[in-house]
Amino acid sequence: IFKEMPERNIVSWNSMLSTYVLNE
């Protein structure tokens, strides 16, 4: 989803970062 988003804001980046952290 993140990769295919035409527009990203800081919330998008932080959400993806949190995803990786949460899923170890």
PDB file of all heavy atoms in Angstrom:
ATOM      1  N   ILE A   1       0.848  -1.200   0.000  1.00  0.00           N
ATOM      2  CA  ILE A   1       0.000   0.000   0.000  1.00  0.00           C
ATOM      3  C   ILE A   1       0.881   1.248   0.000  1.00  0.00           C
ATOM      4  O   ILE A   1       0.673   2.187  -0.781  1.00  0.00           O
ATOM      5  CB  ILE A   1      -0.922   0.014   1.243  1.00  0.00           C
ATOM      6  CG1 ILE A   1      -1.858  -1.186   1.250  1.00  0.00           C
ATOM      7  CG2 ILE A   1      -1.718   1.318   1.313  1.00  0.00           C
ATOM      8  CD1 ILE A   1      -2.859  -1.206   0.134  1.00  0.00           C
ATOM      9  N   PHE A   2       1.875   1.241   0.890  1.00  0.00           N
ATOM     10  CA  PHE A   2       2.774   2.396   1.031  1.00  0.00           C
ATOM     11  C   PHE A   2       3.493   2.694  -0.284  1.00  0.00           C
ATOM     12  O   PHE A   2       3.584   3.847  -0.718  1.00  0.00           O
ATOM     13  CB  PHE A   2       3.788   2.102   2.144  1.00  0.00           C
ATOM     14  CG  PHE A   2       4.840   3.160   2.318  1.00  0.00           C
ATOM     15  CD1 PHE A   2       4.574   4.329   3.009  1.00  0.00           C
ATOM     16  CD2 PHE A   2       6.110   2.982   1.781  1.00  0.00           C
ATOM     17  CE1 PHE A   2       5.538   5.309   3.166  1.00  0.00           C
ATOM     18  CE2 PHE A   2       7.090   3.955   1.938  1.00  0.00           C
ATOM     19  CZ  PHE A   2       6.795   5.121   2.635  1.00  0.00           C
ATOM     20  N   LYS A   3       3.987   1.651  -0.925  1.00  0.00           N
ATOM     21  CA  LYS A   3       4.769   1.807  -2.159  1.00  0.00           C
ATOM     22  C   LYS A   3       3.915   2.359  -3.300  1.00  0.00           C
ATOM     23  O   LYS A   3       4.406   3.116  -4.138  1.00  0.00           O
ATOM     24  CB  LYS A   3       5.369   0.449  -2.541  1.00  0.00           C
ATOM     25  CG  LYS A   3       6.378   0.504  -3.674  1.00  0.00           C
ATOM     26  CD  LYS A   3       7.087  -0.837  -3.843  1.00  0.00           C
ATOM     27  CE  LYS A   3       6.127  -1.929  -4.221  1.00  0.00           C
ATOM     28  NZ  LYS A   3       6.799  -3.214  -4.539  1.00  0.00           N
ATOM     29  N   GLU A   4       2.622   1.990  -3.322  1.00  0.00           N
ATOM     30  CA  GLU A   4       1.751   2.390  -4.435  1.00  0.00           C
ATOM     31  C   GLU A   4       1.031   3.709  -4.193  1.00  0.00           C
ATOM     32  O   GLU A   4       0.271   4.159  -5.052  1.00  0.00           O
ATOM     33  CB  GLU A   4       0.728   1.279  -4.694  1.00  0.00           C
ATOM     34  CG  GLU A   4       1.368  -0.012  -5.222  1.00  0.00           C
ATOM     35  CD  GLU A   4       0.366  -1.152  -5.369  1.00  0.00           C
ATOM     36  OE1 GLU A   4      -0.810  -0.942  -4.961  1.00  0.00           O
ATOM     37  OE2 GLU A   4       0.753  -2.221  -5.858  1.00  0.00           O
ATOM     38  N   MET A   5       1.250   4.328  -3.023  1.00  0.00           N
ATOM     39  CA  MET A   5       0.573   5.601  -2.739  1.00  0.00           C
ATOM     40  C   MET A   5       1.127   6.706  -3.640  1.00  0.00           C
ATOM     41  O   MET A   5       2.347   6.921  -3.667  1.00  0.00           O
ATOM     42  CB  MET A   5       0.753   5.996  -1.268  1.00  0.00           C
ATOM     43  CG  MET A   5      -0.040   5.150  -0.299  1.00  0.00           C
ATOM     44  SD  MET A   5       0.317   5.542   1.438  1.00  0.00           S
ATOM     45  CE  MET A   5      -0.535   7.105   1.601  1.00  0.00           C
ATOM     46  N   PRO A   6       0.275   7.429  -4.367  1.00  0.00           N
ATOM     47  CA  PRO A   6       0.771   8.507  -5.228  1.00  0.00           C
ATOM     48  C   PRO A   6       1.273   9.702  -4.433  1.00  0.00           C
ATOM     49  O   PRO A   6       2.109  10.460  -4.897  1.00  0.00           O
ATOM     50  CB  PRO A   6      -0.460   8.880  -6.066  1.00  0.00           C
ATOM     51  CG  PRO A   6      -1.627   8.447  -5.248  1.00  0.00           C
ATOM     52  CD  PRO A   6      -1.184   7.257  -4.468  1.00  0.00           C
ATOM     53  N   GLU A   7       0.732   9.846  -3.229  1.00  0.00           N
ATOM     54  CA  GLU A   7       1.134  10.955  -2.365  1.00  0.00           C
ATOM     55  C   GLU A   7       1.343  10.416  -0.953  1.00  0.00           C
ATOM     56  O   GLU A   7       0.545   9.616  -0.452  1.00  0.00           O
ATOM     57  CB  GLU A   7       0.043  12.033  -2.348  1.00  0.00           C
ATOM     58  CG  GLU A   7       0.352  13.210  -1.447  1.00  0.00           C
ATOM     59  CD  GLU A   7      -0.848  14.114  -1.243  1.00  0.00           C
ATOM     60  OE1 GLU A   7      -1.906  13.855  -1.860  1.00  0.00           O
ATOM     61  OE2 GLU A   7      -0.730  15.062  -0.449  1.00  0.00           O
ATOM     62  N   ARG A   8       2.424  10.837  -0.318  1.00  0.00           N
ATOM     63  CA  ARG A   8       2.696  10.415   1.060  1.00  0.00           C
ATOM     64  C   ARG A   8       2.959  11.636   1.921  1.00  0.00           C
ATOM     65  O   ARG A   8       3.588  12.582   1.468  1.00  0.00           O
ATOM     66  CB  ARG A   8       3.931   9.503   1.136  1.00  0.00           C
ATOM     67  CG  ARG A   8       3.847   8.245   0.310  1.00  0.00           C
ATOM     68  CD  ARG A   8       5.080   7.372   0.547  1.00  0.00           C
ATOM     69  NE  ARG A   8       5.180   6.309  -0.446  1.00  0.00           N
ATOM     70  CZ  ARG A   8       6.152   6.172  -1.326  1.00  0.00           C
ATOM     71  NH1 ARG A   8       7.143   7.052  -1.355  1.00  0.00           N
ATOM     72  NH2 ARG A   8       6.162   5.167  -2.181  1.00  0.00           N
ATOM     73  N   ASN A   9       2.513  11.584   3.169  1.00  0.00           N
ATOM     74  CA  ASN A   9       2.891  12.615   4.128  1.00  0.00           C
ATOM     75  C   ASN A   9       3.670  11.955   5.258  1.00  0.00           C
ATOM     76  O   ASN A   9       3.930  10.743   5.230  1.00  0.00           O
ATOM     77  CB  ASN A   9       1.657  13.378   4.640  1.00  0.00           C
ATOM     78  CG  ASN A   9       0.660  12.459   5.339  1.00  0.00           C
ATOM     79  OD1 ASN A   9       0.911  11.274   5.541  1.00  0.00           O
ATOM     80  ND2 ASN A   9      -0.483  13.013   5.708  1.00  0.00           N
ATOM     81  N   ILE A  10       4.028  12.727   6.271  1.00  0.00           N
ATOM     82  CA  ILE A  10       4.851  12.188   7.361  1.00  0.00           C
ATOM     83  C   ILE A  10       4.111  11.080   8.107  1.00  0.00           C
ATOM     84  O   ILE A  10       4.723  10.146   8.620  1.00  0.00           O
ATOM     85  CB  ILE A  10       5.292  13.320   8.328  1.00  0.00           C
ATOM     86  CG1 ILE A  10       6.303  12.789   9.363  1.00  0.00           C
ATOM     87  CG2 ILE A  10       4.101  13.963   9.010  1.00  0.00           C
ATOM     88  CD1 ILE A  10       7.584  12.246   8.777  1.00  0.00           C
ATOM     89  N   VAL A  11       2.763  11.165   8.131  1.00  0.00           N
ATOM     90  CA  VAL A  11       1.972  10.107   8.776  1.00  0.00           C
ATOM     91  C   VAL A  11       2.166   8.786   8.036  1.00  0.00           C
ATOM     92  O   VAL A  11       2.282   7.720   8.660  1.00  0.00           O
ATOM     93  CB  VAL A  11       0.474  10.495   8.823  1.00  0.00           C
ATOM     94  CG1 VAL A  11      -0.359   9.353   9.397  1.00  0.00           C
ATOM     95  CG2 VAL A  11       0.266  11.764   9.629  1.00  0.00           C
ATOM     96  N   SER A  12       2.230   8.836   6.713  1.00  0.00           N
ATOM     97  CA  SER A  12       2.443   7.621   5.907  1.00  0.00           C
ATOM     98  C   SER A  12       3.784   6.980   6.249  1.00  0.00           C
ATOM     99  O   SER A  12       3.870   5.767   6.483  1.00  0.00           O
ATOM    100  CB  SER A  12       2.396   7.961   4.415  1.00  0.00           C
ATOM    101  OG  SER A  12       1.334   8.817   4.094  1.00  0.00           O
ATOM    102  N   TRP A  13       4.829   7.800   6.276  1.00  0.00           N
ATOM    103  CA  TRP A  13       6.171   7.286   6.590  1.00  0.00           C
ATOM    104  C   TRP A  13       6.221   6.717   8.009  1.00  0.00           C
ATOM    105  O   TRP A  13       6.759   5.628   8.232  1.00  0.00           O
ATOM    106  CB  TRP A  13       7.214   8.389   6.433  1.00  0.00           C
ATOM    107  CG  TRP A  13       7.489   8.760   5.007  1.00  0.00           C
ATOM    108  CD1 TRP A  13       6.902   9.757   4.281  1.00  0.00           C
ATOM    109  CD2 TRP A  13       8.431   8.132   4.114  1.00  0.00           C
ATOM    110  NE1 TRP A  13       7.409   9.785   3.002  1.00  0.00           N
ATOM    111  CE2 TRP A  13       8.355   8.811   2.869  1.00  0.00           C
ATOM    112  CE3 TRP A  13       9.317   7.079   4.244  1.00  0.00           C
ATOM    113  CZ2 TRP A  13       9.141   8.455   1.780  1.00  0.00           C
ATOM    114  CZ3 TRP A  13      10.108   6.715   3.149  1.00  0.00           C
ATOM    115  CH2 TRP A  13      10.014   7.398   1.938  1.00  0.00           C
ATOM    116  N   ASN A  14       5.661   7.448   8.964  1.00  0.00           N
ATOM    117  CA  ASN A  14       5.674   6.982  10.354  1.00  0.00           C
ATOM    118  C   ASN A  14       4.860   5.704  10.523  1.00  0.00           C
ATOM    119  O   ASN A  14       5.239   4.810  11.294  1.00  0.00           O
ATOM    120  CB  ASN A  14       5.142   8.072  11.288  1.00  0.00           C
ATOM    121  CG  ASN A  14       6.133   9.196  11.495  1.00  0.00           C
ATOM    122  OD1 ASN A  14       7.338   9.019  11.334  1.00  0.00           O
ATOM    123  ND2 ASN A  14       5.642  10.366  11.840  1.00  0.00           N
ATOM    124  N   SER A  15       3.733   5.617   9.809  1.00  0.00           N
ATOM    125  CA  SER A  15       2.900   4.407   9.887  1.00  0.00           C
ATOM    126  C   SER A  15       3.659   3.194   9.370  1.00  0.00           C
ATOM    127  O   SER A  15       3.607   2.112   9.964  1.00  0.00           O
ATOM    128  CB  SER A  15       1.606   4.597   9.089  1.00  0.00           C
ATOM    129  OG  SER A  15       0.817   5.614   9.634  1.00  0.00           O
ATOM    130  N   MET A  16       4.378   3.363   8.268  1.00  0.00           N
ATOM    131  CA  MET A  16       5.143   2.256   7.712  1.00  0.00           C
ATOM    132  C   MET A  16       6.302   1.878   8.623  1.00  0.00           C
ATOM    133  O   MET A  16       6.604   0.694   8.817  1.00  0.00           O
ATOM    134  CB  MET A  16       5.663   2.645   6.317  1.00  0.00           C
ATOM    135  CG  MET A  16       6.163   1.449   5.495  1.00  0.00           C
ATOM    136  SD  MET A  16       4.868   0.242   5.172  1.00  0.00           S
ATOM    137  CE  MET A  16       5.605  -1.234   5.841  1.00  0.00           C
ATOM    138  N   LEU A  17       6.926   2.895   9.201  1.00  0.00           N
ATOM    139  CA  LEU A  17       8.022   2.648  10.139  1.00  0.00           C
ATOM    140  C   LEU A  17       7.510   1.889  11.358  1.00  0.00           C
ATOM    141  O   LEU A  17       8.132   0.910  11.818  1.00  0.00           O
ATOM    142  CB  LEU A  17       8.635   3.991  10.562  1.00  0.00           C
ATOM    143  CG  LEU A  17      10.078   4.005  11.075  1.00  0.00           C
ATOM    144  CD1 LEU A  17      11.034   3.387  10.067  1.00  0.00           C
ATOM    145  CD2 LEU A  17      10.497   5.433  11.387  1.00  0.00           C
ATOM    146  N   SER A  18       6.347   2.312  11.878  1.00  0.00           N
ATOM    147  CA  SER A  18       5.732   1.630  13.025  1.00  0.00           C
ATOM    148  C   SER A  18       5.358   0.196  12.670  1.00  0.00           C
ATOM    149  O   SER A  18       5.440  -0.702  13.512  1.00  0.00           O
ATOM    150  CB  SER A  18       4.485   2.387  13.483  1.00  0.00           C
ATOM    151  OG  SER A  18       4.801   3.682  13.915  1.00  0.00           O
ATOM    152  N   THR A  19       4.941  -0.012  11.432  1.00  0.00           N
ATOM    153  CA  THR A  19       4.585  -1.362  10.980  1.00  0.00           C
ATOM    154  C   THR A  19       5.774  -2.299  11.105  1.00  0.00           C
ATOM    155  O   THR A  19       5.655  -3.414  11.641  1.00  0.00           O
ATOM    156  CB  THR A  19       4.116  -1.324   9.510  1.00  0.00           C
ATOM    157  OG1 THR A  19       2.961  -0.497   9.409  1.00  0.00           O
ATOM    158  CG2 THR A  19       3.787  -2.717   9.000  1.00  0.00           C
ATOM    159  N   TYR A  20       6.920  -1.863  10.620  1.00  0.00           N
ATOM    160  CA  TYR A  20       8.116  -2.705  10.703  1.00  0.00           C
ATOM    161  C   TYR A  20       8.543  -2.938  12.148  1.00  0.00           C
ATOM    162  O   TYR A  20       8.927  -4.048  12.522  1.00  0.00           O
ATOM    163  CB  TYR A  20       9.258  -2.057   9.912  1.00  0.00           C
ATOM    164  CG  TYR A  20       9.155  -2.242   8.413  1.00  0.00           C
ATOM    165  CD1 TYR A  20       9.485  -1.216   7.530  1.00  0.00           C
ATOM    166  CD2 TYR A  20       8.743  -3.451   7.871  1.00  0.00           C
ATOM    167  CE1 TYR A  20       9.397  -1.384   6.155  1.00  0.00           C
ATOM    168  CE2 TYR A  20       8.649  -3.634   6.498  1.00  0.00           C
ATOM    169  CZ  TYR A  20       8.979  -2.596   5.648  1.00  0.00           C
ATOM    170  OH  TYR A  20       8.888  -2.776   4.289  1.00  0.00           O
ATOM    171  N   VAL A  21       8.458  -1.902  12.966  1.00  0.00           N
ATOM    172  CA  VAL A  21       8.850  -2.039  14.379  1.00  0.00           C
ATOM    173  C   VAL A  21       7.896  -2.987  15.086  1.00  0.00           C
ATOM    174  O   VAL A  21       8.321  -3.887  15.822  1.00  0.00           O
ATOM    175  CB  VAL A  21       8.868  -0.660  15.075  1.00  0.00           C
ATOM    176  CG1 VAL A  21       9.070  -0.822  16.576  1.00  0.00           C
ATOM    177  CG2 VAL A  21       9.978   0.214  14.498  1.00  0.00           C
ATOM    178  N   LEU A  22       6.579  -2.791  14.872  1.00  0.00           N
ATOM    179  CA  LEU A  22       5.568  -3.619  15.533  1.00  0.00           C
ATOM    180  C   LEU A  22       5.694  -5.080  15.133  1.00  0.00           C
ATOM    181  O   LEU A  22       5.491  -5.978  15.956  1.00  0.00           O
ATOM    182  CB  LEU A  22       4.168  -3.094  15.173  1.00  0.00           C
ATOM    183  CG  LEU A  22       2.975  -3.795  15.815  1.00  0.00           C
ATOM    184  CD1 LEU A  22       2.956  -3.563  17.323  1.00  0.00           C
ATOM    185  CD2 LEU A  22       1.676  -3.308  15.202  1.00  0.00           C
ATOM    186  N   ASN A  23       6.044  -5.329  13.875  1.00  0.00           N
ATOM    187  CA  ASN A  23       6.165  -6.705  13.386  1.00  0.00           C
ATOM    188  C   ASN A  23       7.592  -7.244  13.464  1.00  0.00           C
ATOM    189  O   ASN A  23       7.912  -8.255  12.825  1.00  0.00           O
ATOM    190  CB  ASN A  23       5.636  -6.780  11.951  1.00  0.00           C
ATOM    191  CG  ASN A  23       4.127  -6.600  11.867  1.00  0.00           C
ATOM    192  OD1 ASN A  23       3.375  -7.550  12.054  1.00  0.00           O
ATOM    193  ND2 ASN A  23       3.677  -5.386  11.618  1.00  0.00           N
ATOM    194  N   GLU A  24       8.436  -6.529  14.225  1.00  0.00           N
ATOM    195  CA  GLU A  24       9.814  -6.959  14.517  1.00  0.00           C
ATOM    196  C   GLU A  24      10.644  -7.155  13.249  1.00  0.00           C
ATOM    197  O   GLU A  24      11.485  -8.051  13.167  1.00  0.00           O
ATOM    198  CB  GLU A  24       9.806  -8.235  15.360  1.00  0.00           C
ATOM    199  CG  GLU A  24       9.153  -8.036  16.725  1.00  0.00           C
ATOM    200  CD  GLU A  24       9.234  -9.257  17.612  1.00  0.00           C
ATOM    201  OE1 GLU A  24       9.701 -10.314  17.122  1.00  0.00           O
ATOM    202  OE2 GLU A  24       8.858  -9.157  18.778  1.00  0.00           O
TER     203      GLU A  24
END
